[in-house]
Amino acid sequence: MEREELQAQIDELMRQYGAGEIDGETYQRRMMELTSSARE
């Protein structure tokens, strides 16, 4: 995954969490998925 793509996905995830569209558990799980996929 490109760094810019990863950053865009993280920004969107933070926006969704900040807007209350997703809960903390969902936020944490998705963030873990994103960061682990970036290492591969």
PDB file of N, CA and C in Angstrom:
ATOM      1  N   MET A   1       0.850  -1.177   0.000  1.00  0.00           N
ATOM      2  CA  MET A   1       0.000   0.000   0.000  1.00  0.00           C
ATOM      3  C   MET A   1       0.898   1.243   0.000  1.00  0.00           C
ATOM      4  N   GLU A   2       0.530   2.205  -0.805  1.00  0.00           N
ATOM      5  CA  GLU A   2       1.288   3.448  -0.853  1.00  0.00           C
ATOM      6  C   GLU A   2       1.074   4.240   0.431  1.00  0.00           C
ATOM      7  N   ARG A   3       2.084   4.989   0.804  1.00  0.00           N
ATOM      8  CA  ARG A   3       2.013   5.785   2.022  1.00  0.00           C
ATOM      9  C   ARG A   3       0.851   6.784   1.975  1.00  0.00           C
ATOM     10  N   GLU A   4       0.653   7.421   0.815  1.00  0.00           N
ATOM     11  CA  GLU A   4      -0.425   8.404   0.679  1.00  0.00           C
ATOM     12  C   GLU A   4      -1.796   7.742   0.839  1.00  0.00           C
ATOM     13  N   GLU A   5      -1.923   6.545   0.280  1.00  0.00           N
ATOM     14  CA  GLU A   5      -3.185   5.810   0.392  1.00  0.00           C
ATOM     15  C   GLU A   5      -3.451   5.431   1.847  1.00  0.00           C
ATOM     16  N   LEU A   6      -2.419   4.971   2.522  1.00  0.00           N
ATOM     17  CA  LEU A   6      -2.551   4.612   3.929  1.00  0.00           C
ATOM     18  C   LEU A   6      -2.957   5.830   4.752  1.00  0.00           C
ATOM     19  N   GLN A   7      -2.295   6.961   4.523  1.00  0.00           N
ATOM     20  CA  GLN A   7      -2.612   8.184   5.271  1.00  0.00           C
ATOM     21  C   GLN A   7      -4.050   8.610   5.021  1.00  0.00           C
ATOM     22  N   ALA A   8      -4.509   8.505   3.785  1.00  0.00           N
ATOM     23  CA  ALA A   8      -5.883   8.879   3.449  1.00  0.00           C
ATOM     24  C   ALA A   8      -6.883   7.980   4.180  1.00  0.00           C
ATOM     25  N   GLN A   9      -6.581   6.691   4.249  1.00  0.00           N
ATOM     26  CA  GLN A   9      -7.486   5.767   4.938  1.00  0.00           C
ATOM     27  C   GLN A   9      -7.503   6.037   6.442  1.00  0.00           C
ATOM     28  N   ILE A  10      -6.345   6.355   7.015  1.00  0.00           N
ATOM     29  CA  ILE A  10      -6.275   6.676   8.440  1.00  0.00           C
ATOM     30  C   ILE A  10      -7.037   7.969   8.723  1.00  0.00           C
ATOM     31  N   ASP A  11      -6.853   8.970   7.864  1.00  0.00           N
ATOM     32  CA  ASP A  11      -7.578  10.236   8.038  1.00  0.00           C
ATOM     33  C   ASP A  11      -9.082  10.018   8.007  1.00  0.00           C
ATOM     34  N   GLU A  12      -9.547   9.191   7.061  1.00  0.00           N
ATOM     35  CA  GLU A  12     -10.980   8.907   6.958  1.00  0.00           C
ATOM     36  C   GLU A  12     -11.468   8.152   8.190  1.00  0.00           C
ATOM     37  N   LEU A  13     -10.678   7.228   8.680  1.00  0.00           N
ATOM     38  CA  LEU A  13     -11.034   6.474   9.878  1.00  0.00           C
ATOM     39  C   LEU A  13     -11.155   7.411  11.079  1.00  0.00           C
ATOM     40  N   MET A  14     -10.210   8.319  11.236  1.00  0.00           N
ATOM     41  CA  MET A  14     -10.261   9.284  12.340  1.00  0.00           C
ATOM     42  C   MET A  14     -11.469  10.208  12.197  1.00  0.00           C
ATOM     43  N   ARG A  15     -11.795  10.600  10.955  1.00  0.00           N
ATOM     44  CA  ARG A  15     -12.961  11.451  10.727  1.00  0.00           C
ATOM     45  C   ARG A  15     -14.245  10.729  11.136  1.00  0.00           C
ATOM     46  N   GLN A  16     -14.359   9.444  10.742  1.00  0.00           N
ATOM     47  CA  GLN A  16     -15.548   8.665  11.084  1.00  0.00           C
ATOM     48  C   GLN A  16     -15.690   8.523  12.592  1.00  0.00           C
ATOM     49  N   TYR A  17     -14.579   8.284  13.271  1.00  0.00           N
ATOM     50  CA  TYR A  17     -14.615   8.133  14.728  1.00  0.00           C
ATOM     51  C   TYR A  17     -14.983   9.458  15.389  1.00  0.00           C
ATOM     52  N   GLY A  18     -14.378  10.531  14.905  1.00  0.00           N
ATOM     53  CA  GLY A  18     -14.664  11.856  15.455  1.00  0.00           C
ATOM     54  C   GLY A  18     -16.108  12.275  15.251  1.00  0.00           C
ATOM     55  N   ALA A  19     -16.699  11.848  14.153  1.00  0.00           N
ATOM     56  CA  ALA A  19     -18.087  12.194  13.839  1.00  0.00           C
ATOM     57  C   ALA A  19     -19.077  11.255  14.525  1.00  0.00           C
ATOM     58  N   GLY A  20     -18.558  10.234  15.210  1.00  0.00           N
ATOM     59  CA  GLY A  20     -19.437   9.303  15.906  1.00  0.00           C
ATOM     60  C   GLY A  20     -20.057   8.256  14.998  1.00  0.00           C
ATOM     61  N   GLU A  21     -19.510   8.101  13.792  1.00  0.00           N
ATOM     62  CA  GLU A  21     -20.057   7.117  12.855  1.00  0.00           C
ATOM     63  C   GLU A  21     -19.636   5.694  13.212  1.00  0.00           C
ATOM     64  N   ILE A  22     -18.508   5.553  13.893  1.00  0.00           N
ATOM     65  CA  ILE A  22     -18.041   4.239  14.335  1.00  0.00           C
ATOM     66  C   ILE A  22     -17.658   4.341  15.809  1.00  0.00           C
ATOM     67  N   ASP A  23     -17.689   3.213  16.508  1.00  0.00           N
ATOM     68  CA  ASP A  23     -17.338   3.226  17.929  1.00  0.00           C
ATOM     69  C   ASP A  23     -15.840   2.962  18.119  1.00  0.00           C
ATOM     70  N   GLY A  24     -15.394   3.078  19.348  1.00  0.00           N
ATOM     71  CA  GLY A  24     -13.980   2.924  19.658  1.00  0.00           C
ATOM     72  C   GLY A  24     -13.435   1.558  19.312  1.00  0.00           C
ATOM     73  N   GLU A  25     -14.225   0.536  19.519  1.00  0.00           N
ATOM     74  CA  GLU A  25     -13.775  -0.824  19.220  1.00  0.00           C
ATOM     75  C   GLU A  25     -13.563  -1.003  17.714  1.00  0.00           C
ATOM     76  N   THR A  26     -14.492  -0.509  16.932  1.00  0.00           N
ATOM     77  CA  THR A  26     -14.373  -0.588  15.472  1.00  0.00           C
ATOM     78  C   THR A  26     -13.171   0.220  15.001  1.00  0.00           C
ATOM     79  N   TYR A  27     -13.008   1.404  15.559  1.00  0.00           N
ATOM     80  CA  TYR A  27     -11.874   2.268  15.220  1.00  0.00           C
ATOM     81  C   TYR A  27     -10.554   1.550  15.483  1.00  0.00           C
ATOM     82  N   GLN A  28     -10.437   0.965  16.658  1.00  0.00           N
ATOM     83  CA  GLN A  28      -9.201   0.285  17.036  1.00  0.00           C
ATOM     84  C   GLN A  28      -8.922  -0.908  16.124  1.00  0.00           C
ATOM     85  N   ARG A  29      -9.944  -1.699  15.836  1.00  0.00           N
ATOM     86  CA  ARG A  29      -9.770  -2.884  14.987  1.00  0.00           C
ATOM     87  C   ARG A  29      -9.340  -2.473  13.575  1.00  0.00           C
ATOM     88  N   ARG A  30      -9.999  -1.487  13.018  1.00  0.00           N
ATOM     89  CA  ARG A  30      -9.657  -1.049  11.658  1.00  0.00           C
ATOM     90  C   ARG A  30      -8.269  -0.429  11.601  1.00  0.00           C
ATOM     91  N   MET A  31      -7.907   0.309  12.646  1.00  0.00           N
ATOM     92  CA  MET A  31      -6.575   0.922  12.674  1.00  0.00           C
ATOM     93  C   MET A  31      -5.503  -0.175  12.715  1.00  0.00           C
ATOM     94  N   MET A  32      -5.748  -1.216  13.500  1.00  0.00           N
ATOM     95  CA  MET A  32      -4.809  -2.331  13.566  1.00  0.00           C
ATOM     96  C   MET A  32      -4.691  -3.013  12.192  1.00  0.00           C
ATOM     97  N   GLU A  33      -5.813  -3.182  11.516  1.00  0.00           N
ATOM     98  CA  GLU A  33      -5.798  -3.803  10.187  1.00  0.00           C
ATOM     99  C   GLU A  33      -4.987  -2.954   9.203  1.00  0.00           C
ATOM    100  N   LEU A  34      -5.192  -1.638   9.260  1.00  0.00           N
ATOM    101  CA  LEU A  34      -4.467  -0.747   8.360  1.00  0.00           C
ATOM    102  C   LEU A  34      -2.973  -0.769   8.625  1.00  0.00           C
ATOM    103  N   THR A  35      -2.595  -0.668   9.889  1.00  0.00           N
ATOM    104  CA  THR A  35      -1.172  -0.608  10.197  1.00  0.00           C
ATOM    105  C   THR A  35      -0.479  -1.944   9.920  1.00  0.00           C
ATOM    106  N   SER A  36      -1.177  -3.055  10.151  1.00  0.00           N
ATOM    107  CA  SER A  36      -0.551  -4.340   9.864  1.00  0.00           C
ATOM    108  C   SER A  36      -0.448  -4.575   8.356  1.00  0.00           C
ATOM    109  N   SER A  37      -1.423  -4.109   7.591  1.00  0.00           N
ATOM    110  CA  SER A  37      -1.349  -4.276   6.136  1.00  0.00           C
ATOM    111  C   SER A  37      -0.256  -3.401   5.537  1.00  0.00           C
ATOM    112  N   ALA A  38       0.033  -2.294   6.169  1.00  0.00           N
ATOM    113  CA  ALA A  38       1.083  -1.397   5.662  1.00  0.00           C
ATOM    114  C   ALA A  38       2.473  -1.992   5.831  1.00  0.00           C
ATOM    115  N   ARG A  39       2.639  -2.871   6.826  1.00  0.00           N
ATOM    116  CA  ARG A  39       3.951  -3.470   7.083  1.00  0.00           C
ATOM    117  C   ARG A  39       4.279  -4.566   6.075  1.00  0.00           C
ATOM    118  N   GLU A  40       3.283  -5.125   5.451  1.00  0.00           N
ATOM    119  CA  GLU A  40       3.492  -6.247   4.528  1.00  0.00           C
ATOM    120  C   GLU A  40       4.032  -5.796   3.197  1.00  0.00           C
TER     121      GLU A  40
END
